[in-house]
């Protein structure tokens, strides 16, 4: 397996694992926050965490897309 395929597979696996972890922990944390702190304001840290994780997912998705290598063109040389 080539290194680029390994990298892409690792990124896809990381995205799936993060999604599963969020699906399991978010409801539990929301319920515990409401029970312990007794207010809707207790959900603010969860909202901030959700936004952060969504941005992480976006970055992972961007890193999975193949990109063209950025090789600079050779500089023109003058033979003076």
Protein backbone atom coordinates (compact mmCIF):
# COMPACT_ATOMS: atom_id res chain seq x y z
CA UNK A 1 0.00 0.00 0.00
CA UNK A 2 1.42 3.38 -0.98
CA UNK A 3 2.04 6.08 1.64
CA UNK A 4 -0.68 8.33 0.17
CA UNK A 5 -3.24 5.53 0.42
CA UNK A 6 -2.22 4.81 4.00
CA UNK A 7 -2.55 8.49 4.85
CA UNK A 8 -5.98 8.68 3.23
CA UNK A 9 -7.15 5.49 4.98
CA UNK A 10 -5.87 6.78 8.32
CA UNK A 11 -7.73 10.06 7.81
CA UNK A 12 -10.95 8.27 6.95
CA UNK A 13 -10.61 5.98 9.99
CA UNK A 14 -9.93 8.98 12.25
CA UNK A 15 -13.05 10.72 10.92
CA UNK A 16 -15.20 7.64 11.59
CA UNK A 17 -13.74 7.19 15.07
CA UNK A 18 -14.32 10.83 15.99
CA UNK A 19 -17.91 10.63 14.78
CA UNK A 20 -18.55 7.54 16.88
CA UNK A 21 -16.93 9.10 19.95
CA UNK A 22 -19.08 12.21 19.57
CA UNK A 23 -22.25 10.20 19.11
CA UNK A 24 -21.57 8.33 22.35
CA UNK A 25 -20.29 11.12 24.58
CA UNK A 26 -22.40 14.14 23.60
CA UNK A 27 -25.76 12.86 24.93
CA UNK A 28 -24.16 11.63 28.14
CA UNK A 29 -22.35 14.92 28.77
CA UNK A 30 -25.47 16.96 27.99
CA UNK A 31 -27.53 14.95 30.47
CA UNK A 32 -24.87 15.11 33.18
CA UNK A 33 -24.41 18.85 32.70
CA UNK A 34 -28.13 19.47 33.06
CA UNK A 35 -28.36 17.26 36.15
CA UNK A 36 -25.32 18.70 37.90
CA UNK A 37 -25.55 22.39 37.02
CA UNK A 38 -29.35 22.58 36.66
CA UNK A 39 -29.56 25.03 33.81
CA UNK A 40 -29.42 25.51 30.10
CA UNK A 41 -26.23 27.56 30.51
CA UNK A 42 -24.50 24.30 31.44
CA UNK A 43 -24.76 23.34 27.78
CA UNK A 44 -22.55 26.23 26.64
CA UNK A 45 -19.28 24.28 27.01
CA UNK A 46 -20.81 21.45 24.98
CA UNK A 47 -21.80 23.91 22.25
CA UNK A 48 -18.25 25.27 22.11
CA UNK A 49 -16.85 21.73 21.98
CA UNK A 50 -19.25 20.80 19.20
CA UNK A 51 -18.14 23.76 17.09
CA UNK A 52 -14.51 22.86 17.69
CA UNK A 53 -15.03 19.24 16.67
CA UNK A 54 -16.93 20.24 13.53
CA UNK A 55 -13.99 22.41 12.49
CA UNK A 56 -11.66 19.48 13.13
CA UNK A 57 -13.82 17.30 10.90
CA UNK A 58 -13.60 19.95 8.18
CA UNK A 59 -9.82 20.03 8.45
CA UNK A 60 -9.64 16.25 8.24
CA UNK A 61 -11.88 16.28 5.18
CA UNK A 62 -9.66 18.90 3.56
CA UNK A 63 -6.51 16.92 4.32
CA UNK A 64 -8.06 13.81 2.72
CA UNK A 65 -8.60 15.50 -0.63
CA UNK A 66 -5.75 14.88 -3.03
CA UNK A 67 -3.81 17.97 -3.94
CA UNK A 68 -1.32 18.75 -6.63
CA UNK A 69 2.25 19.05 -5.42
CA UNK A 70 3.42 22.65 -5.39
CA UNK A 71 6.70 22.58 -7.20
CA UNK A 72 8.00 26.01 -8.06
CA UNK A 73 9.00 26.65 -11.65
CA UNK A 74 12.72 26.93 -12.18
CA UNK A 75 13.98 30.49 -12.11
CA UNK A 76 15.08 31.93 -15.43
CA UNK A 77 18.81 32.40 -15.59
CA UNK A 78 20.45 35.05 -17.62
CA UNK A 79 23.75 34.25 -19.28
CA UNK A 80 25.31 37.69 -19.21
